[in-house]
Protein backbone atom coordinates (compact mmCIF):
# COMPACT_ATOMS: atom_id res chain seq x y z
CA MET A 1 75.80 115.83 90.11
CA ALA A 2 72.72 113.73 90.86
CA MET A 3 74.59 110.58 89.82
CA SER A 4 77.51 111.47 92.09
CA SER A 5 75.14 111.99 95.01
CA GLY A 6 73.41 108.72 94.27
CA LEU A 7 76.70 106.86 94.14
CA TRP A 8 77.81 108.26 97.46
CA ILE A 9 74.49 107.28 99.01
CA ALA A 10 74.81 103.75 97.59
CA ILE A 11 78.40 103.39 98.77
CA ALA A 12 77.47 104.75 102.19
CA LEU A 13 74.68 102.17 102.38
CA TYR A 14 77.04 99.32 101.45
CA PHE A 15 79.56 100.55 104.00
CA PHE A 16 76.89 100.83 106.71
CA ILE A 17 75.62 97.29 106.10
CA SER A 18 79.19 95.94 106.10
CA LEU A 19 79.98 97.67 109.37
CA ALA A 20 76.74 96.44 110.93
CA ILE A 21 77.52 92.84 109.97
CA SER A 22 81.04 93.11 111.37
CA TRP A 23 79.78 94.69 114.59
CA TRP A 24 77.40 91.74 115.02
CA ALA A 25 80.24 89.29 114.34
CA SER A 26 82.54 91.08 116.80
CA LYS A 27 80.20 90.08 119.64
CA ARG A 28 81.05 86.45 118.90
CA ILE A 29 84.83 86.88 118.98
CA ALA A 30 86.41 85.83 122.27
CA GLY A 31 89.98 85.15 121.19
CA GLN A 32 92.53 84.85 118.41
CA ALA A 33 91.08 81.64 116.95
CA ASP A 34 87.63 83.24 116.70
CA TYR A 35 89.15 86.25 114.93
CA LEU A 36 91.45 84.47 112.48
CA VAL A 37 89.54 81.25 111.65
CA ALA A 38 86.02 82.01 112.97
CA GLY A 39 86.41 79.36 115.67
CA ARG A 40 86.51 76.77 112.86
CA GLN A 41 82.70 76.83 112.71
CA LEU A 42 82.02 77.92 109.11
CA GLY A 43 79.70 75.76 107.01
CA LEU A 44 79.81 74.97 103.29
CA VAL A 45 77.82 78.03 102.20
CA LEU A 46 79.97 80.55 104.06
CA VAL A 47 83.29 78.94 103.14
CA SER A 48 82.51 78.49 99.44
CA GLY A 49 80.93 81.95 99.20
CA SER A 50 83.89 83.55 100.90
CA LEU A 51 86.39 81.68 98.71
CA PHE A 52 84.56 82.87 95.61
CA ALA A 53 84.40 86.42 96.90
CA THR A 54 88.10 86.47 97.79
CA TRP A 55 89.09 85.60 94.23
CA PHE A 56 86.36 87.58 92.47
CA GLY A 57 87.72 91.08 92.93
CA ALA A 58 89.00 94.03 90.95
CA GLU A 59 91.23 91.95 88.69
CA THR A 60 88.33 89.77 87.51
CA ILE A 61 85.93 92.59 86.74
CA MET A 62 88.12 95.53 85.80
CA GLY A 63 91.63 94.35 84.97
CA SER A 64 90.70 91.30 82.92
CA GLY A 65 87.66 93.02 81.45
CA ALA A 66 89.89 95.62 79.84
CA SER A 67 92.41 93.00 78.68
CA VAL A 68 89.72 90.81 77.12
CA ALA A 69 88.19 93.82 75.36
CA GLU A 70 91.57 94.68 73.88
CA VAL A 71 93.03 91.30 72.88
CA GLY A 72 90.27 88.70 73.41
CA LEU A 73 90.38 85.59 75.60
CA SER A 74 94.17 85.60 75.68
CA GLY A 75 93.83 88.59 77.98
CA GLY A 76 91.54 86.65 80.31
CA ARG A 77 93.43 83.43 80.84
CA ALA A 78 93.95 84.21 84.51
CA ASP A 79 90.35 85.33 85.06
CA PRO A 80 88.24 83.32 85.17
CA PHE A 81 90.00 80.28 83.73
CA GLY A 82 93.30 80.22 85.61
CA TYR A 83 91.89 81.03 89.02
CA THR A 84 89.10 78.47 88.55
CA LEU A 85 91.73 75.79 88.01
CA CYS A 86 93.58 77.15 91.03
CA LEU A 87 90.54 76.56 93.25
CA VAL A 88 90.20 73.03 91.88
CA GLY A 89 93.87 72.47 92.66
CA MET A 90 93.30 73.69 96.22
CA ALA A 91 90.50 71.16 96.60
CA PHE A 92 92.62 68.23 95.42
CA LEU A 93 96.00 69.14 96.91
CA ILE A 94 95.70 71.35 99.97
CA ALA A 95 92.31 72.00 101.58
CA TYR A 96 91.55 68.65 103.24
CA LYS A 97 95.05 68.01 104.58
CA MET A 98 95.58 71.51 105.95
CA ARG A 99 92.20 71.72 107.66
CA ALA A 100 92.65 68.24 109.14
CA ARG A 101 95.80 69.45 110.92
CA ASN A 102 93.97 72.36 112.58
CA TYR A 103 96.33 75.05 111.33
CA MET A 104 95.40 78.69 111.80
CA THR A 105 97.69 79.97 109.03
CA LEU A 106 99.83 78.61 106.24
CA GLY A 107 102.81 79.64 108.34
CA ASP A 108 101.81 77.02 110.93
CA PHE A 109 102.43 74.32 108.32
CA PHE A 110 105.95 75.60 107.67
CA ARG A 111 106.76 75.60 111.39
CA GLU A 112 105.48 72.06 111.92
CA ARG A 113 106.98 70.59 108.75
CA TYR A 114 110.25 72.50 108.33
CA GLY A 115 110.99 74.42 111.53
CA ARG A 116 111.00 77.97 112.85
CA LEU A 117 113.56 79.47 110.45
CA VAL A 118 111.68 78.28 107.37
CA GLU A 119 108.42 79.51 108.89
CA LEU A 120 109.87 83.02 109.29
CA LEU A 121 111.25 83.18 105.76
CA ALA A 122 108.02 81.89 104.23
CA VAL A 123 105.92 84.40 106.16
CA LEU A 124 108.22 87.28 105.22
CA ILE A 125 107.73 86.30 101.56
CA MET A 126 103.94 85.96 101.86
CA ILE A 127 103.18 89.18 103.73
CA PRO A 128 104.32 91.59 100.96
CA THR A 129 102.32 89.54 98.46
CA SER A 130 99.11 90.02 100.43
CA ILE A 131 99.76 93.74 100.92
CA MET A 132 100.28 94.20 97.17
CA TRP A 133 97.03 92.34 96.51
CA ALA A 134 95.20 94.64 98.92
CA ALA A 135 96.78 97.67 97.24
CA ALA A 136 95.48 96.51 93.86
CA GLN A 137 91.95 96.28 95.21
CA LEU A 138 92.14 99.71 96.87
CA LEU A 139 93.41 101.22 93.62
CA ALA A 140 90.48 99.68 91.76
CA LEU A 141 88.06 100.95 94.38
CA GLY A 142 89.43 104.46 94.01
CA GLU A 143 89.10 104.25 90.23
CA VAL A 144 85.46 103.16 90.45
CA ILE A 145 84.62 106.10 92.69
CA THR A 146 86.45 108.65 90.53
CA VAL A 147 84.61 107.49 87.39
CA VAL A 148 81.41 109.13 88.59
CA ALA A 149 82.37 111.33 91.52
CA PRO A 150 84.34 114.59 91.28
CA VAL A 151 87.00 113.59 93.81
CA GLU A 152 90.72 112.92 93.66
CA ILE A 153 91.70 109.26 93.65
CA GLU A 154 93.75 109.76 96.83
CA SER A 155 90.62 110.93 98.66
CA ALA A 156 88.62 108.00 97.32
CA LEU A 157 91.37 105.61 98.42
CA LEU A 158 91.48 107.09 101.91
CA VAL A 159 87.72 106.81 102.46
CA SER A 160 87.76 103.23 101.17
CA LEU A 161 90.68 102.34 103.41
CA VAL A 162 89.07 103.67 106.58
CA VAL A 163 85.85 101.73 106.05
CA VAL A 164 87.38 98.40 105.06
CA VAL A 165 89.89 98.54 107.92
CA LEU A 166 87.08 99.30 110.37
CA TYR A 167 84.86 96.41 109.40
CA THR A 168 87.70 93.90 109.00
CA THR A 169 89.21 94.89 112.34
CA LEU A 170 85.83 94.46 114.01
CA GLY A 171 84.50 91.24 112.55
CA GLY A 172 87.50 89.05 111.75
CA LEU A 173 86.93 86.03 109.51
CA LEU A 174 83.31 85.52 110.59
CA GLY A 175 82.40 89.10 109.72
CA ASP A 176 84.33 88.86 106.45
CA ALA A 177 82.62 85.62 105.42
CA ILE A 178 79.11 86.97 106.03
CA ASN A 179 79.98 90.26 104.34
CA ASP A 180 81.33 88.32 101.37
CA LEU A 181 77.97 86.64 100.83
CA PHE A 182 76.20 90.00 100.92
CA HIS A 183 78.73 91.68 98.62
CA GLU A 184 78.83 88.92 96.03
CA THR A 185 75.04 88.72 95.80
CA VAL A 186 75.06 92.39 94.84
CA VAL A 187 77.93 91.79 92.40
CA VAL A 188 76.17 89.00 90.51
CA ILE A 189 72.99 91.07 90.15
CA GLY A 190 75.00 94.08 88.95
CA LEU A 191 76.94 92.08 86.36
CA LEU A 192 73.78 90.41 85.04
CA LEU A 193 72.17 93.83 84.61
CA LEU A 194 75.19 95.10 82.69
CA LEU A 195 75.17 92.00 80.46
CA VAL A 196 71.53 92.64 79.56
CA PHE A 197 72.28 96.24 78.56
CA VAL A 198 75.29 95.18 76.50
CA PHE A 199 73.14 92.73 74.54
CA VAL A 200 70.49 95.42 74.02
CA ALA A 201 73.12 97.87 72.75
CA ALA A 202 74.50 95.19 70.40
CA GLY A 203 71.07 94.63 68.84
CA GLY A 204 69.97 91.57 70.76
CA PHE A 205 71.39 88.26 71.94
CA ASP A 206 72.07 86.79 68.50
CA ALA A 207 73.63 90.00 67.20
CA GLY A 208 75.80 90.29 70.29
CA ILE A 209 77.11 86.74 69.98
CA ALA A 210 77.65 87.19 66.24
CA SER A 211 79.77 90.29 66.85
CA ILE A 212 82.43 88.21 68.60
CA THR A 213 85.20 87.43 66.11
CA PRO A 214 87.21 84.17 65.93
CA GLU A 215 90.36 86.15 66.73
CA GLN A 216 88.86 87.17 70.07
CA LEU A 217 88.34 83.54 71.08
CA ARG A 218 91.99 82.55 70.92
CA PHE A 219 93.53 81.66 74.27
CA ALA A 220 97.03 82.28 72.96
CA ASP A 221 98.47 85.46 71.52
CA PRO A 222 100.11 84.54 68.17
CA GLU A 223 103.06 86.76 69.04
CA GLU A 224 103.72 84.97 72.34
CA GLY A 225 106.43 82.37 72.76
CA MET A 226 105.71 79.01 74.37
CA LEU A 227 107.36 79.99 77.66
CA SER A 228 105.26 83.14 77.89
CA ARG A 229 102.07 81.15 77.28
CA LEU A 230 102.91 78.60 79.94
CA ASP A 231 103.87 81.37 82.35
CA ALA A 232 100.53 83.13 81.79
CA TRP A 233 98.78 79.99 83.04
CA ALA A 234 101.28 79.13 85.77
CA VAL A 235 100.97 82.47 87.59
CA PRO A 236 97.25 82.19 88.49
CA ILE A 237 97.13 78.40 88.87
CA VAL A 238 100.32 77.72 90.82
CA GLY A 239 101.20 81.19 92.10
CA SER A 240 97.87 81.58 93.88
CA LEU A 241 97.55 77.95 94.98
CA VAL A 242 99.17 78.83 98.30
CA ALA A 243 97.61 82.25 98.92
CA GLN A 244 96.91 82.80 102.63
CA GLU A 245 93.84 84.88 101.65
CA ALA A 246 92.08 81.80 100.32
CA ILE A 247 93.60 79.23 102.66
CA SER A 248 92.34 81.12 105.72
CA ARG A 249 88.79 80.64 104.42
CA PHE A 250 88.84 76.87 104.41
CA LEU A 251 90.88 76.71 107.61
CA GLY A 252 87.75 78.17 109.22
CA ALA A 253 85.59 75.28 107.98
CA LYS A 254 83.91 72.95 110.47
CA THR A 255 85.46 69.83 108.94
CA PRO A 256 88.16 68.88 106.40
CA SER A 257 85.46 67.60 104.04
CA ILE A 258 83.69 70.97 104.07
CA ALA A 259 87.03 72.66 103.37
CA ARG A 260 87.63 70.51 100.28
CA ASN A 261 84.06 70.61 98.98
CA ALA A 262 83.90 74.38 99.41
CA CYS A 263 86.84 74.75 97.02
CA PHE A 264 84.98 72.74 94.38
CA VAL A 265 81.78 74.77 94.85
CA ALA A 266 83.70 78.05 94.76
CA ALA A 267 85.46 76.98 91.55
CA GLY A 268 82.13 76.30 89.85
CA ILE A 269 80.61 79.60 90.95
CA TYR A 270 83.75 81.50 90.01
CA PHE A 271 83.84 80.04 86.51
CA VAL A 272 80.17 80.72 85.73
CA VAL A 273 80.06 84.23 87.19
CA GLY A 274 83.52 85.03 85.82
CA LEU A 275 82.27 84.44 82.28
CA ILE A 276 79.90 87.42 82.62
CA PRO A 277 82.56 90.19 82.52
CA VAL A 278 84.32 88.21 79.77
CA ALA A 279 81.15 88.23 77.65
CA VAL A 280 80.58 91.91 78.42
CA ALA A 281 84.11 92.75 77.30
CA LEU A 282 84.02 90.63 74.13
CA ILE A 283 80.76 92.20 72.96
CA GLY A 284 81.33 95.65 74.43
CA SER A 285 84.54 96.11 72.46
CA HIS A 286 82.44 96.23 69.25
CA LEU A 287 80.05 98.96 70.40
CA ASP A 288 82.30 101.81 69.17
CA LEU A 289 81.98 103.89 72.31
CA GLY A 290 85.55 105.16 72.13
CA LEU A 291 86.53 103.77 75.52
CA ALA A 292 90.17 103.23 76.48
CA TYR A 293 91.22 99.68 77.28
CA ASP A 294 92.37 100.40 80.81
CA ASP A 295 91.04 99.60 84.29
CA THR A 296 88.11 101.99 83.81
CA PHE A 297 86.79 100.22 80.68
CA LEU A 298 84.02 98.24 82.35
CA PRO A 299 82.79 101.00 84.70
CA LEU A 300 82.71 103.51 81.84
CA LEU A 301 80.94 101.00 79.59
CA ALA A 302 78.29 100.59 82.27
CA LYS A 303 78.02 104.36 82.63
CA GLU A 304 77.41 104.72 78.89
CA LEU A 305 74.78 101.99 78.63
CA MET A 306 72.86 101.92 81.91
CA PRO A 307 70.31 104.39 83.28
CA PRO A 308 71.78 106.50 86.11
CA ILE A 309 69.96 104.68 88.89
CA LEU A 310 71.09 101.26 87.64
CA PHE A 311 74.62 102.49 87.05
CA VAL A 312 74.74 103.62 90.66
CA PHE A 313 73.72 100.08 91.64
CA PHE A 314 76.39 98.61 89.35
CA ALA A 315 79.09 100.91 90.75
CA GLY A 316 78.03 99.83 94.21
CA ALA A 317 78.35 96.22 93.07
CA LEU A 318 81.93 96.88 91.99
CA VAL A 319 82.63 98.41 95.36
CA SER A 320 81.18 95.30 97.00
CA ALA A 321 83.37 92.95 94.95
CA ILE A 322 86.49 94.88 95.79
CA LEU A 323 85.69 95.11 99.50
CA SER A 324 85.36 91.31 99.62
CA THR A 325 88.93 90.90 98.41
CA VAL A 326 90.46 93.70 100.48
CA ASP A 327 89.13 92.30 103.75
CA SER A 328 90.62 88.89 102.93
CA THR A 329 94.08 90.30 102.22
CA LEU A 330 94.19 92.47 105.33
CA LEU A 331 93.16 89.54 107.51
CA ALA A 332 95.78 87.35 105.82
CA VAL A 333 98.55 89.79 106.70
CA SER A 334 97.28 90.05 110.27
CA ALA A 335 97.18 86.27 110.68
CA LEU A 336 100.70 85.71 109.36
CA ALA A 337 102.28 88.63 111.22
CA THR A 338 100.70 87.92 114.60
CA ARG A 339 100.43 84.14 114.66
CA ASN A 340 103.79 83.37 113.03
CA ILE A 341 106.01 86.33 113.96
CA LEU A 342 104.74 88.09 117.09
CA ASP A 343 103.24 85.19 119.05
CA PRO A 344 106.39 83.00 119.10
CA MET A 345 108.47 86.03 120.12
CA VAL A 346 106.22 86.79 123.11
CA PRO A 347 104.71 83.41 124.08
CA TRP A 348 103.45 84.60 127.48
CA MET A 349 100.84 86.97 125.99
CA SER A 350 97.23 86.37 126.95
CA ASP A 351 94.66 85.49 124.30
CA ASP A 352 93.10 88.93 124.72
CA GLN A 353 96.45 90.56 123.93
CA ARG A 354 96.91 88.32 120.89
CA LEU A 355 93.47 89.37 119.66
CA LEU A 356 94.31 93.04 120.15
CA ASN A 357 97.59 92.58 118.26
CA ALA A 358 95.75 90.92 115.38
CA ARG A 359 93.39 93.88 115.10
CA ILE A 360 96.22 96.42 115.26
CA VAL A 361 98.17 94.62 112.52
CA THR A 362 95.03 94.51 110.36
CA ALA A 363 94.89 98.31 110.50
CA LEU A 364 98.63 98.66 109.82
CA ALA A 365 98.32 96.36 106.80
CA GLY A 366 95.63 98.64 105.44
CA VAL A 367 97.90 101.67 105.79
CA ALA A 368 100.72 99.85 103.96
CA ALA A 369 98.35 98.86 101.15
CA TYR A 370 97.17 102.48 100.86
CA ILE A 371 100.76 103.71 100.48
CA ILE A 372 101.46 101.20 97.69
CA ALA A 373 98.15 101.95 95.94
CA THR A 374 98.82 105.69 95.82
CA GLY A 375 102.11 105.03 94.04
CA SER A 376 100.74 102.58 91.46
CA ASP A 377 98.92 102.98 88.15
CA SER A 378 97.61 99.55 87.15
CA VAL A 379 95.42 97.03 88.96
CA TYR A 380 96.48 94.27 86.56
CA GLU A 381 100.21 94.82 87.15
CA LEU A 382 99.81 94.86 90.93
CA VAL A 383 97.83 91.61 90.91
CA SER A 384 100.30 89.92 88.55
CA THR A 385 103.19 90.94 90.80
CA ALA A 386 101.35 89.76 93.90
CA SER A 387 100.57 86.37 92.33
CA SER A 388 104.17 85.67 91.33
CA TYR A 389 106.35 87.39 93.95
CA GLY A 390 108.34 84.62 95.62
CA THR A 391 105.41 82.20 95.54
CA ALA A 392 107.23 79.62 93.41
CA GLY A 393 109.20 78.38 96.41
CA ILE A 394 106.13 78.53 98.65
CA ALA A 395 104.14 76.35 96.23
CA VAL A 396 106.89 73.74 95.89
CA THR A 397 107.50 73.39 99.63
CA VAL A 398 103.80 73.23 100.51
CA VAL A 399 102.72 70.66 97.92
CA VAL A 400 105.74 68.38 98.41
CA GLY A 401 105.65 68.83 102.18
CA LEU A 402 101.98 67.95 102.46
CA TRP A 403 102.17 64.86 100.29
CA SER A 404 105.53 63.35 101.19
CA GLY A 405 108.24 63.20 103.81
CA LEU A 406 110.86 64.23 101.27
CA GLY A 407 113.02 67.21 102.15
CA GLY A 408 113.82 68.94 105.40
CA PRO A 409 114.58 72.48 106.53
CA ARG A 410 117.58 72.93 104.23
CA ALA A 411 115.63 71.79 101.17
CA ALA A 412 112.78 74.15 102.04
CA LEU A 413 115.15 77.08 102.58
CA ALA A 414 116.83 76.38 99.25
CA ALA A 415 113.48 76.31 97.45
CA LEU A 416 112.24 79.53 99.08
CA VAL A 417 115.45 81.42 98.32
CA ALA A 418 115.58 80.06 94.76
CA GLY A 419 111.96 80.99 94.12
CA LEU A 420 112.42 84.52 95.41
CA THR A 421 115.71 85.26 93.68
CA GLY A 422 114.52 83.53 90.53
CA THR A 423 111.50 85.83 90.30
CA ILE A 424 113.76 88.88 90.52
CA VAL A 425 116.56 87.67 88.22
CA PHE A 426 114.39 86.01 85.60
CA GLY A 427 112.05 89.01 85.67
CA ALA A 428 114.94 91.23 84.64
CA VAL A 429 116.29 88.81 82.02
CA TYR A 430 113.31 86.93 80.57
CA GLY A 431 110.37 89.14 81.48
CA ASP A 432 107.15 87.26 80.82
CA ALA A 433 108.45 83.78 81.71
CA ALA A 434 109.91 84.79 85.07
CA PHE A 435 107.48 82.90 87.30
CA LEU A 436 107.61 79.64 85.37
CA LEU A 437 111.41 79.63 85.35
CA SER A 438 111.55 80.49 89.06
CA LEU A 439 109.14 77.60 89.73
CA VAL A 440 111.47 75.19 87.91
CA LEU A 441 114.45 76.61 89.78
CA ALA A 442 112.70 76.30 93.16
CA ALA A 443 111.72 72.68 92.46
CA ALA A 444 115.24 71.82 91.30
CA ALA A 445 116.74 73.43 94.41
CA PHE A 446 114.34 71.58 96.72
CA PHE A 447 114.90 68.13 95.25
CA ALA A 448 118.66 68.58 94.90
CA VAL A 449 119.11 69.59 98.53
CA ALA A 450 116.59 66.95 99.67
CA TYR A 451 118.69 64.31 97.90
CA CYS A 452 121.81 65.58 99.65
CA GLU A 453 119.98 65.54 103.00
CA ARG A 454 119.07 61.89 102.52
CA ARG A 455 122.62 61.01 101.48
CA ALA A 456 124.27 62.81 104.41
CA PRO A 457 125.79 60.40 106.98
CA LEU A 458 124.08 60.14 110.32
CA PRO A 459 125.98 61.71 113.24
CA ALA A 460 127.96 59.31 115.37
CA ARG A 461 126.10 58.05 118.43
CA ALA A 462 127.35 59.50 121.69
CA ARG A 463 129.27 57.05 123.84
């Protein structure tokens, strides 16, 4: 009972600090640009910290922790390795060019490069992805709370939803970025504390390292086929390369150079910090504590090994990590829905009305994520679905469109439709290799139609 009370006090404190930061940030928001991209005034520290925090959520700590404990590094290819490479890819391929063009959302790129119809289709593909990602984080947050508090997961989800919607609605990207720095500082301290206790329980540093078996260090599952292995890497690296959640962070950077460099810095931080839950899982799986290899593995491991007061701190750290990802996803949905759907439909709206719409959509996105979370069982499955749902076509059209003049609206439409349908069809037929095959299909569709576009005869000149 004392631990439950302590946890609620800790969570209440985190929530209060987050709300206070967002309230402060809200005083500096005068319009839509301030809300969605922080007036493009974020420096290297805030952008890189926010990028790291956006990626370092429930999947990294809880989902992958359980998978690594069960099957070794092959269960952690996405986190931290795949998403680290994804951030590096963003730095090389996307960040500088997109920030240099002063976009507010990824949808803006589609409108400028391919036209209004392609913009709409791309946004309608991206919005469900972000909502599913938010749902995964809310589900993880509810699971953390229910580990130590005698409440139903639905109640925990509802409380979490109300708070994160409040502070995201208030502070926009500026509030999110500052909150991310606060949250991730707490996360790193909490994970380091857990790592120390895991080594102590294993008999010391040397004994802990020695307990890791060669089988655990294999990146590939011997029972996997080659397509499945490639798909396991393609989903985090390519599928998340064009995530609005991350892109919005570097679109708020002061300069294109800061946007690109922040991706490199975030990748380095993500890799180093991401190895901590991996090490905890590899060693913790040998402690014979009888824990199930599900999303609650890491929180329950911490509960078994840490003194109550430190476990409360660790649970609060998990809450902080999850909040940092939820706020990013809700803001991503708001940006895409308002900037790329509502604004063009009602172009005469004032900037104040656009800002109000953005805040309303942020709240509605939270409600949608809550509904999905209450009907789901696994954080890992939700994140995997979010990373691969229709993003094959998005990735192809963005990378090719940024780096060449090849392909027009018809090529982009073909790639988006092929990527979306490929994910569904290949998912039913081939299962694990669905994203990789849909990526190949989307690329083939884009280049085939682009070739036809170039070969098409020019219309006759009017006389």
